[in-house]
PDB file of N, CA and C in Angstrom:
ATOM      1  N   MET A   1       9.319   8.795  -6.302  1.00  0.00           N
ATOM      2  CA  MET A   1       8.650   8.849  -7.440  1.00  0.00           C
ATOM      3  C   MET A   1       7.169   8.984  -7.355  1.00  0.00           C
ATOM      4  N   LYS A   2       6.546   9.845  -8.024  1.00  0.00           N
ATOM      5  CA  LYS A   2       5.179  10.186  -7.859  1.00  0.00           C
ATOM      6  C   LYS A   2       4.415   9.284  -8.934  1.00  0.00           C
ATOM      7  N   LYS A   3       3.165   9.228  -8.806  1.00  0.00           N
ATOM      8  CA  LYS A   3       2.347   8.484  -9.696  1.00  0.00           C
ATOM      9  C   LYS A   3       2.559   8.766 -11.221  1.00  0.00           C
ATOM     10  N   GLN A   4       2.625  10.069 -11.541  1.00  0.00           N
ATOM     11  CA  GLN A   4       2.790  10.339 -12.930  1.00  0.00           C
ATOM     12  C   GLN A   4       4.136   9.981 -13.433  1.00  0.00           C
ATOM     13  N   GLU A   5       5.200  10.020 -12.689  1.00  0.00           N
ATOM     14  CA  GLU A   5       6.544   9.568 -12.954  1.00  0.00           C
ATOM     15  C   GLU A   5       6.490   8.085 -13.163  1.00  0.00           C
ATOM     16  N   LEU A   6       5.703   7.308 -12.390  1.00  0.00           N
ATOM     17  CA  LEU A   6       5.634   5.885 -12.553  1.00  0.00           C
ATOM     18  C   LEU A   6       5.023   5.565 -13.871  1.00  0.00           C
ATOM     19  N   ILE A   7       3.902   6.322 -14.167  1.00  0.00           N
ATOM     20  CA  ILE A   7       3.242   6.070 -15.405  1.00  0.00           C
ATOM     21  C   ILE A   7       4.178   6.340 -16.595  1.00  0.00           C
ATOM     22  N   ASP A   8       4.884   7.413 -16.651  1.00  0.00           N
ATOM     23  CA  ASP A   8       5.932   7.831 -17.662  1.00  0.00           C
ATOM     24  C   ASP A   8       6.960   6.678 -17.796  1.00  0.00           C
ATOM     25  N   ALA A   9       7.382   6.138 -16.637  1.00  0.00           N
ATOM     26  CA  ALA A   9       8.573   5.168 -16.617  1.00  0.00           C
ATOM     27  C   ALA A   9       7.976   3.778 -17.246  1.00  0.00           C
ATOM     28  N   VAL A  10       6.820   3.433 -16.742  1.00  0.00           N
ATOM     29  CA  VAL A  10       6.242   2.107 -17.223  1.00  0.00           C
ATOM     30  C   VAL A  10       5.923   2.307 -18.702  1.00  0.00           C
ATOM     31  N   ALA A  11       5.427   3.299 -19.132  1.00  0.00           N
ATOM     32  CA  ALA A  11       4.999   3.497 -20.590  1.00  0.00           C
ATOM     33  C   ALA A  11       6.280   3.543 -21.406  1.00  0.00           C
ATOM     34  N   SER A  12       7.359   4.090 -20.894  1.00  0.00           N
ATOM     35  CA  SER A  12       8.590   4.088 -21.697  1.00  0.00           C
ATOM     36  C   SER A  12       9.214   2.806 -21.851  1.00  0.00           C
ATOM     37  N   GLN A  13       9.102   2.010 -20.654  1.00  0.00           N
ATOM     38  CA  GLN A  13       9.778   0.665 -20.665  1.00  0.00           C
ATOM     39  C   GLN A  13       8.872  -0.333 -21.367  1.00  0.00           C
ATOM     40  N   ALA A  14       7.571  -0.167 -21.432  1.00  0.00           N
ATOM     41  CA  ALA A  14       6.781  -1.178 -22.099  1.00  0.00           C
ATOM     42  C   ALA A  14       6.464  -0.751 -23.538  1.00  0.00           C
ATOM     43  N   GLY A  15       6.817   0.505 -23.928  1.00  0.00           N
ATOM     44  CA  GLY A  15       6.479   0.877 -25.267  1.00  0.00           C
ATOM     45  C   GLY A  15       4.957   1.015 -25.518  1.00  0.00           C
ATOM     46  N   ALA A  16       4.332   1.399 -24.557  1.00  0.00           N
ATOM     47  CA  ALA A  16       2.823   1.537 -24.509  1.00  0.00           C
ATOM     48  C   ALA A  16       2.478   3.045 -24.362  1.00  0.00           C
ATOM     49  N   SER A  17       1.252   3.456 -24.668  1.00  0.00           N
ATOM     50  CA  SER A  17       0.817   4.789 -24.476  1.00  0.00           C
ATOM     51  C   SER A  17       0.689   5.071 -23.042  1.00  0.00           C
ATOM     52  N   LYS A  18       0.795   6.394 -22.669  1.00  0.00           N
ATOM     53  CA  LYS A  18       0.784   6.741 -21.211  1.00  0.00           C
ATOM     54  C   LYS A  18      -0.668   6.594 -20.781  1.00  0.00           C
ATOM     55  N   SER A  19      -1.640   6.919 -21.711  1.00  0.00           N
ATOM     56  CA  SER A  19      -3.061   6.685 -21.247  1.00  0.00           C
ATOM     57  C   SER A  19      -3.357   5.187 -20.902  1.00  0.00           C
ATOM     58  N   ALA A  20      -2.911   4.361 -21.716  1.00  0.00           N
ATOM     59  CA  ALA A  20      -3.146   2.945 -21.555  1.00  0.00           C
ATOM     60  C   ALA A  20      -2.546   2.337 -20.178  1.00  0.00           C
ATOM     61  N   VAL A  21      -1.374   2.931 -19.897  1.00  0.00           N
ATOM     62  CA  VAL A  21      -0.581   2.459 -18.658  1.00  0.00           C
ATOM     63  C   VAL A  21      -1.246   3.194 -17.507  1.00  0.00           C
ATOM     64  N   GLU A  22      -1.724   4.313 -17.671  1.00  0.00           N
ATOM     65  CA  GLU A  22      -2.480   4.954 -16.558  1.00  0.00           C
ATOM     66  C   GLU A  22      -3.692   4.259 -16.211  1.00  0.00           C
ATOM     67  N   GLN A  23      -4.463   3.841 -17.191  1.00  0.00           N
ATOM     68  CA  GLN A  23      -5.730   2.964 -16.957  1.00  0.00           C
ATOM     69  C   GLN A  23      -5.225   1.693 -16.293  1.00  0.00           C
ATOM     70  N   ALA A  24      -4.236   1.046 -16.718  1.00  0.00           N
ATOM     71  CA  ALA A  24      -3.797  -0.180 -16.094  1.00  0.00           C
ATOM     72  C   ALA A  24      -3.428  -0.125 -14.693  1.00  0.00           C
ATOM     73  N   ILE A  25      -2.587   1.022 -14.461  1.00  0.00           N
ATOM     74  CA  ILE A  25      -2.065   1.120 -13.019  1.00  0.00           C
ATOM     75  C   ILE A  25      -3.246   1.550 -12.063  1.00  0.00           C
ATOM     76  N   ASN A  26      -4.158   2.391 -12.686  1.00  0.00           N
ATOM     77  CA  ASN A  26      -5.383   2.731 -11.774  1.00  0.00           C
ATOM     78  C   ASN A  26      -6.281   1.460 -11.492  1.00  0.00           C
ATOM     79  N   ALA A  27      -6.431   0.648 -12.497  1.00  0.00           N
ATOM     80  CA  ALA A  27      -7.155  -0.598 -12.305  1.00  0.00           C
ATOM     81  C   ALA A  27      -6.519  -1.549 -11.243  1.00  0.00           C
ATOM     82  N   VAL A  28      -5.147  -1.585 -11.292  1.00  0.00           N
ATOM     83  CA  VAL A  28      -4.459  -2.449 -10.303  1.00  0.00           C
ATOM     84  C   VAL A  28      -4.649  -1.952  -8.897  1.00  0.00           C
ATOM     85  N   LEU A  29      -4.422  -0.616  -8.717  1.00  0.00           N
ATOM     86  CA  LEU A  29      -4.633  -0.036  -7.559  1.00  0.00           C
ATOM     87  C   LEU A  29      -5.993   0.000  -6.941  1.00  0.00           C
ATOM     88  N   GLU A  30      -6.988   0.082  -7.768  1.00  0.00           N
ATOM     89  CA  GLU A  30      -8.421  -0.002  -7.342  1.00  0.00           C
ATOM     90  C   GLU A  30      -8.755  -1.428  -6.882  1.00  0.00           C
ATOM     91  N   THR A  31      -8.306  -2.320  -7.732  1.00  0.00           N
ATOM     92  CA  THR A  31      -8.534  -3.679  -7.296  1.00  0.00           C
ATOM     93  C   THR A  31      -7.817  -4.111  -5.952  1.00  0.00           C
ATOM     94  N   ILE A  32      -6.655  -3.768  -5.790  1.00  0.00           N
ATOM     95  CA  ILE A  32      -5.946  -4.101  -4.455  1.00  0.00           C
ATOM     96  C   ILE A  32      -6.666  -3.269  -3.329  1.00  0.00           C
ATOM     97  N   THR A  33      -7.012  -2.122  -3.548  1.00  0.00           N
ATOM     98  CA  THR A  33      -7.847  -1.348  -2.526  1.00  0.00           C
ATOM     99  C   THR A  33      -9.124  -2.063  -2.160  1.00  0.00           C
ATOM    100  N   SER A  34      -9.914  -2.259  -3.272  1.00  0.00           N
ATOM    101  CA  SER A  34     -11.268  -3.055  -2.964  1.00  0.00           C
ATOM    102  C   SER A  34     -11.065  -4.421  -2.149  1.00  0.00           C
ATOM    103  N   ASP A  35     -10.102  -5.163  -2.624  1.00  0.00           N
ATOM    104  CA  ASP A  35      -9.994  -6.396  -2.055  1.00  0.00           C
ATOM    105  C   ASP A  35      -9.483  -6.357  -0.556  1.00  0.00           C
ATOM    106  N   VAL A  36      -8.537  -5.448  -0.370  1.00  0.00           N
ATOM    107  CA  VAL A  36      -8.054  -5.358   1.027  1.00  0.00           C
ATOM    108  C   VAL A  36      -9.183  -4.743   1.881  1.00  0.00           C
ATOM    109  N   ALA A  37      -9.861  -3.827   1.378  1.00  0.00           N
ATOM    110  CA  ALA A  37     -11.061  -3.293   2.108  1.00  0.00           C
ATOM    111  C   ALA A  37     -12.025  -4.394   2.475  1.00  0.00           C
ATOM    112  N   ALA A  38     -12.110  -5.328   1.627  1.00  0.00           N
ATOM    113  CA  ALA A  38     -13.165  -6.456   1.811  1.00  0.00           C
ATOM    114  C   ALA A  38     -12.629  -7.481   2.815  1.00  0.00           C
ATOM    115  N   GLY A  39     -11.363  -7.261   3.321  1.00  0.00           N
ATOM    116  CA  GLY A  39     -10.846  -8.268   4.194  1.00  0.00           C
ATOM    117  C   GLY A  39      -9.992  -9.394   3.489  1.00  0.00           C
ATOM    118  N   ASN A  40      -9.638  -9.200   2.304  1.00  0.00           N
ATOM    119  CA  ASN A  40      -8.966 -10.227   1.577  1.00  0.00           C
ATOM    120  C   ASN A  40      -7.498  -9.818   1.593  1.00  0.00           C
ATOM    121  N   THR A  41      -6.593 -10.683   1.255  1.00  0.00           N
ATOM    122  CA  THR A  41      -5.182 -10.308   1.072  1.00  0.00           C
ATOM    123  C   THR A  41      -4.876 -10.396  -0.422  1.00  0.00           C
ATOM    124  N   VAL A  42      -3.877  -9.543  -0.866  1.00  0.00           N
ATOM    125  CA  VAL A  42      -3.451  -9.475  -2.296  1.00  0.00           C
ATOM    126  C   VAL A  42      -2.021  -9.953  -2.238  1.00  0.00           C
ATOM    127  N   GLN A  43      -1.619 -11.037  -2.793  1.00  0.00           N
ATOM    128  CA  GLN A  43      -0.237 -11.392  -2.758  1.00  0.00           C
ATOM    129  C   GLN A  43       0.313 -11.401  -4.096  1.00  0.00           C
ATOM    130  N   LEU A  44       1.365 -10.579  -4.296  1.00  0.00           N
ATOM    131  CA  LEU A  44       2.115 -10.445  -5.509  1.00  0.00           C
ATOM    132  C   LEU A  44       3.410 -11.137  -5.398  1.00  0.00           C
ATOM    133  N   ILE A  45       3.665 -12.340  -5.753  1.00  0.00           N
ATOM    134  CA  ILE A  45       4.867 -13.140  -5.587  1.00  0.00           C
ATOM    135  C   ILE A  45       6.112 -12.358  -5.983  1.00  0.00           C
ATOM    136  N   GLY A  46       7.136 -12.285  -5.068  1.00  0.00           N
ATOM    137  CA  GLY A  46       8.271 -11.578  -5.364  1.00  0.00           C
ATOM    138  C   GLY A  46       8.234 -10.070  -4.932  1.00  0.00           C
ATOM    139  N   PHE A  47       7.046  -9.535  -4.858  1.00  0.00           N
ATOM    140  CA  PHE A  47       6.875  -8.143  -4.524  1.00  0.00           C
ATOM    141  C   PHE A  47       6.406  -7.907  -3.179  1.00  0.00           C
ATOM    142  N   GLY A  48       5.233  -8.445  -2.706  1.00  0.00           N
ATOM    143  CA  GLY A  48       4.856  -8.401  -1.338  1.00  0.00           C
ATOM    144  C   GLY A  48       3.276  -8.852  -1.270  1.00  0.00           C
ATOM    145  N   THR A  49       2.845  -8.651  -0.093  1.00  0.00           N
ATOM    146  CA  THR A  49       1.422  -9.098   0.348  1.00  0.00           C
ATOM    147  C   THR A  49       0.783  -7.829   0.986  1.00  0.00           C
ATOM    148  N   PHE A  50      -0.391  -7.421   0.505  1.00  0.00           N
ATOM    149  CA  PHE A  50      -1.147  -6.443   1.014  1.00  0.00           C
ATOM    150  C   PHE A  50      -2.305  -7.089   1.857  1.00  0.00           C
ATOM    151  N   GLY A  51      -2.550  -6.726   3.085  1.00  0.00           N
ATOM    152  CA  GLY A  51      -3.595  -7.263   3.843  1.00  0.00           C
ATOM    153  C   GLY A  51      -4.107  -6.262   4.846  1.00  0.00           C
ATOM    154  N   SER A  52      -5.024  -6.505   5.672  1.00  0.00           N
ATOM    155  CA  SER A  52      -5.659  -5.664   6.565  1.00  0.00           C
ATOM    156  C   SER A  52      -5.500  -6.270   7.938  1.00  0.00           C
ATOM    157  N   GLY A  53      -5.593  -5.464   8.981  1.00  0.00           N
ATOM    158  CA  GLY A  53      -5.508  -5.807  10.378  1.00  0.00           C
ATOM    159  C   GLY A  53      -6.378  -4.931  11.251  1.00  0.00           C
ATOM    160  N   GLU A  54      -6.383  -5.078  12.438  1.00  0.00           N
ATOM    161  CA  GLU A  54      -7.148  -4.363  13.394  1.00  0.00           C
ATOM    162  C   GLU A  54      -6.332  -3.886  14.515  1.00  0.00           C
ATOM    163  N   ARG A  55      -6.608  -2.719  15.033  1.00  0.00           N
ATOM    164  CA  ARG A  55      -5.890  -2.081  15.999  1.00  0.00           C
ATOM    165  C   ARG A  55      -7.010  -1.861  17.113  1.00  0.00           C
ATOM    166  N   ALA A  56      -6.699  -2.372  18.270  1.00  0.00           N
ATOM    167  CA  ALA A  56      -7.764  -2.376  19.420  1.00  0.00           C
ATOM    168  C   ALA A  56      -7.827  -0.933  19.880  1.00  0.00           C
ATOM    169  N   ALA A  57      -8.782  -0.609  20.511  1.00  0.00           N
ATOM    170  CA  ALA A  57      -9.023   0.612  21.256  1.00  0.00           C
ATOM    171  C   ALA A  57      -8.061   0.791  22.399  1.00  0.00           C
ATOM    172  N   ARG A  58      -7.648   1.991  22.644  1.00  0.00           N
ATOM    173  CA  ARG A  58      -6.644   2.138  23.631  1.00  0.00           C
ATOM    174  C   ARG A  58      -6.657   3.560  24.333  1.00  0.00           C
ATOM    175  N   THR A  59      -6.104   3.744  25.384  1.00  0.00           N
ATOM    176  CA  THR A  59      -6.033   5.086  25.996  1.00  0.00           C
ATOM    177  C   THR A  59      -4.717   5.811  25.710  1.00  0.00           C
ATOM    178  N   GLY A  60      -4.753   6.979  25.224  1.00  0.00           N
ATOM    179  CA  GLY A  60      -3.643   7.726  24.857  1.00  0.00           C
ATOM    180  C   GLY A  60      -3.488   8.949  25.675  1.00  0.00           C
ATOM    181  N   ARG A  61      -2.587   9.804  25.342  1.00  0.00           N
ATOM    182  CA  ARG A  61      -2.455  11.099  26.245  1.00  0.00           C
ATOM    183  C   ARG A  61      -2.444  12.242  25.067  1.00  0.00           C
ATOM    184  N   ASN A  62      -3.085  13.425  25.475  1.00  0.00           N
ATOM    185  CA  ASN A  62      -2.950  14.522  24.652  1.00  0.00           C
ATOM    186  C   ASN A  62      -1.527  15.112  24.988  1.00  0.00           C
ATOM    187  N   PRO A  63      -0.694  15.346  23.912  1.00  0.00           N
ATOM    188  CA  PRO A  63       0.714  15.705  24.271  1.00  0.00           C
ATOM    189  C   PRO A  63       0.710  17.173  24.783  1.00  0.00           C
ATOM    190  N   SER A  64      -0.227  17.932  24.403  1.00  0.00           N
ATOM    191  CA  SER A  64      -0.110  19.416  24.902  1.00  0.00           C
ATOM    192  C   SER A  64      -0.673  19.638  26.345  1.00  0.00           C
ATOM    193  N   THR A  65      -1.586  18.716  26.665  1.00  0.00           N
ATOM    194  CA  THR A  65      -2.252  18.942  28.049  1.00  0.00           C
ATOM    195  C   THR A  65      -1.915  17.737  29.021  1.00  0.00           C
ATOM    196  N   GLY A  66      -1.499  16.540  28.474  1.00  0.00           N
ATOM    197  CA  GLY A  66      -1.233  15.429  29.300  1.00  0.00           C
ATOM    198  C   GLY A  66      -2.483  14.684  29.649  1.00  0.00           C
ATOM    199  N   GLU A  67      -3.667  15.190  29.238  1.00  0.00           N
ATOM    200  CA  GLU A  67      -4.990  14.592  29.486  1.00  0.00           C
ATOM    201  C   GLU A  67      -5.152  13.277  28.729  1.00  0.00           C
ATOM    202  N   ALA A  68      -5.759  12.287  29.511  1.00  0.00           N
ATOM    203  CA  ALA A  68      -6.062  11.039  29.011  1.00  0.00           C
ATOM    204  C   ALA A  68      -7.096  11.048  27.935  1.00  0.00           C
ATOM    205  N   ILE A  69      -6.897  10.478  26.789  1.00  0.00           N
ATOM    206  CA  ILE A  69      -8.012  10.472  25.744  1.00  0.00           C
ATOM    207  C   ILE A  69      -8.224   8.978  25.357  1.00  0.00           C
ATOM    208  N   GLU A  70      -9.432   8.719  24.826  1.00  0.00           N
ATOM    209  CA  GLU A  70      -9.657   7.322  24.311  1.00  0.00           C
ATOM    210  C   GLU A  70      -9.446   7.305  22.779  1.00  0.00           C
ATOM    211  N   ILE A  71      -8.659   6.421  22.336  1.00  0.00           N
ATOM    212  CA  ILE A  71      -8.403   6.323  20.881  1.00  0.00           C
ATOM    213  C   ILE A  71      -9.193   5.082  20.410  1.00  0.00           C
ATOM    214  N   ALA A  72     -10.110   5.307  19.379  1.00  0.00           N
ATOM    215  CA  ALA A  72     -11.051   4.404  19.010  1.00  0.00           C
ATOM    216  C   ALA A  72     -10.228   3.027  18.225  1.00  0.00           C
ATOM    217  N   ALA A  73     -10.869   2.015  18.251  1.00  0.00           N
ATOM    218  CA  ALA A  73     -10.427   0.922  17.363  1.00  0.00           C
ATOM    219  C   ALA A  73     -10.487   1.240  15.987  1.00  0.00           C
ATOM    220  N   ALA A  74      -9.465   0.699  15.201  1.00  0.00           N
ATOM    221  CA  ALA A  74      -9.395   1.044  13.724  1.00  0.00           C
ATOM    222  C   ALA A  74      -8.843  -0.115  13.065  1.00  0.00           C
ATOM    223  N   LYS A  75      -9.288  -0.147  11.640  1.00  0.00           N
ATOM    224  CA  LYS A  75      -8.679  -1.066  10.749  1.00  0.00           C
ATOM    225  C   LYS A  75      -7.395  -0.494  10.211  1.00  0.00           C
ATOM    226  N   THR A  76      -6.435  -1.374   9.964  1.00  0.00           N
ATOM    227  CA  THR A  76      -5.118  -0.884   9.329  1.00  0.00           C
ATOM    228  C   THR A  76      -4.798  -1.694   8.148  1.00  0.00           C
ATOM    229  N   VAL A  77      -3.911  -1.109   7.351  1.00  0.00           N
ATOM    230  CA  VAL A  77      -3.404  -1.817   6.122  1.00  0.00           C
ATOM    231  C   VAL A  77      -1.984  -2.135   6.378  1.00  0.00           C
ATOM    232  N   LYS A  78      -1.765  -3.494   6.040  1.00  0.00           N
ATOM    233  CA  LYS A  78      -0.388  -4.029   6.258  1.00  0.00           C
ATOM    234  C   LYS A  78       0.266  -4.353   4.935  1.00  0.00           C
ATOM    235  N   PHE A  79       1.558  -4.260   4.813  1.00  0.00           N
ATOM    236  CA  PHE A  79       2.267  -4.626   3.657  1.00  0.00           C
ATOM    237  C   PHE A  79       3.569  -5.397   4.111  1.00  0.00           C
ATOM    238  N   THR A  80       3.669  -6.645   3.686  1.00  0.00           N
ATOM    239  CA  THR A  80       4.779  -7.377   3.906  1.00  0.00           C
ATOM    240  C   THR A  80       5.537  -7.601   2.570  1.00  0.00           C
ATOM    241  N   VAL A  81       6.761  -7.160   2.722  1.00  0.00           N
ATOM    242  CA  VAL A  81       7.806  -7.184   1.550  1.00  0.00           C
ATOM    243  C   VAL A  81       8.002  -8.571   1.181  1.00  0.00           C
ATOM    244  N   GLY A  82       7.990  -8.871  -0.217  1.00  0.00           N
ATOM    245  CA  GLY A  82       8.409 -10.197  -0.719  1.00  0.00           C
ATOM    246  C   GLY A  82       9.895 -10.320  -0.709  1.00  0.00           C
ATOM    247  N   LYS A  83      10.373 -11.650  -0.832  1.00  0.00           N
ATOM    248  CA  LYS A  83      11.821 -11.875  -0.765  1.00  0.00           C
ATOM    249  C   LYS A  83      12.536 -11.341  -1.911  1.00  0.00           C
ATOM    250  N   ALA A  84      12.159 -11.346  -3.091  1.00  0.00           N
ATOM    251  CA  ALA A  84      12.731 -10.872  -4.203  1.00  0.00           C
ATOM    252  C   ALA A  84      12.957  -9.263  -4.229  1.00  0.00           C
ATOM    253  N   PHE A  85      11.828  -8.660  -3.756  1.00  0.00           N
ATOM    254  CA  PHE A  85      11.993  -7.168  -3.586  1.00  0.00           C
ATOM    255  C   PHE A  85      12.899  -6.798  -2.495  1.00  0.00           C
ATOM    256  N   LYS A  86      12.896  -7.491  -1.468  1.00  0.00           N
ATOM    257  CA  LYS A  86      13.855  -7.227  -0.254  1.00  0.00           C
ATOM    258  C   LYS A  86      15.331  -7.382  -0.756  1.00  0.00           C
ATOM    259  N   ASP A  87      15.443  -8.604  -1.566  1.00  0.00           N
ATOM    260  CA  ASP A  87      16.854  -8.844  -1.867  1.00  0.00           C
ATOM    261  C   ASP A  87      17.373  -7.666  -2.890  1.00  0.00           C
ATOM    262  N   ALA A  88      16.393  -7.290  -3.725  1.00  0.00           N
ATOM    263  CA  ALA A  88      16.827  -6.195  -4.662  1.00  0.00           C
ATOM    264  C   ALA A  88      17.174  -4.858  -4.005  1.00  0.00           C
ATOM    265  N   VAL A  89      16.462  -4.603  -2.965  1.00  0.00           N
ATOM    266  CA  VAL A  89      16.704  -3.395  -2.252  1.00  0.00           C
ATOM    267  C   VAL A  89      18.148  -3.502  -1.549  1.00  0.00           C
ATOM    268  N   ASN A  90      18.305  -4.693  -0.974  1.00  0.00           N
ATOM    269  CA  ASN A  90      19.614  -4.915  -0.257  1.00  0.00           C
ATOM    270  C   ASN A  90      20.751  -4.915  -1.015  1.00  0.00           C
ATOM    271  N   ARG A  91      20.600  -5.206  -2.333  1.00  0.00           N
ATOM    272  CA  ARG A  91      21.806  -5.339  -3.291  1.00  0.00           C
ATOM    273  C   ARG A  91      22.117  -3.898  -3.730  1.00  0.00           C
ATOM    274  N   ALA A  92      21.244  -2.955  -3.791  1.00  0.00           N
ATOM    275  CA  ALA A  92      21.337  -1.719  -4.259  1.00  0.00           C
ATOM    276  C   ALA A  92      22.351  -0.879  -3.311  1.00  0.00           C
TER     277      ALA A  92
END
């Protein structure tokens, strides 16, 4: 499902206009993104938890030459699935 399909489905289910639903979905995504970028976690009970982590710098290999390369440290995004969501997927 793509974003526009999600907007259409939510608008249909909620009986709301597509533009209002699009604004709401965009606001939710922007809020989650900015909070996680600031180092906070966003927990949606039953759905999951969004958070951030850090990956240490490490040495890797260039697959075509075999040459050792340094891979810089990076921040990562983590998502942990909530119990209700996990159970719903396993029932399907």
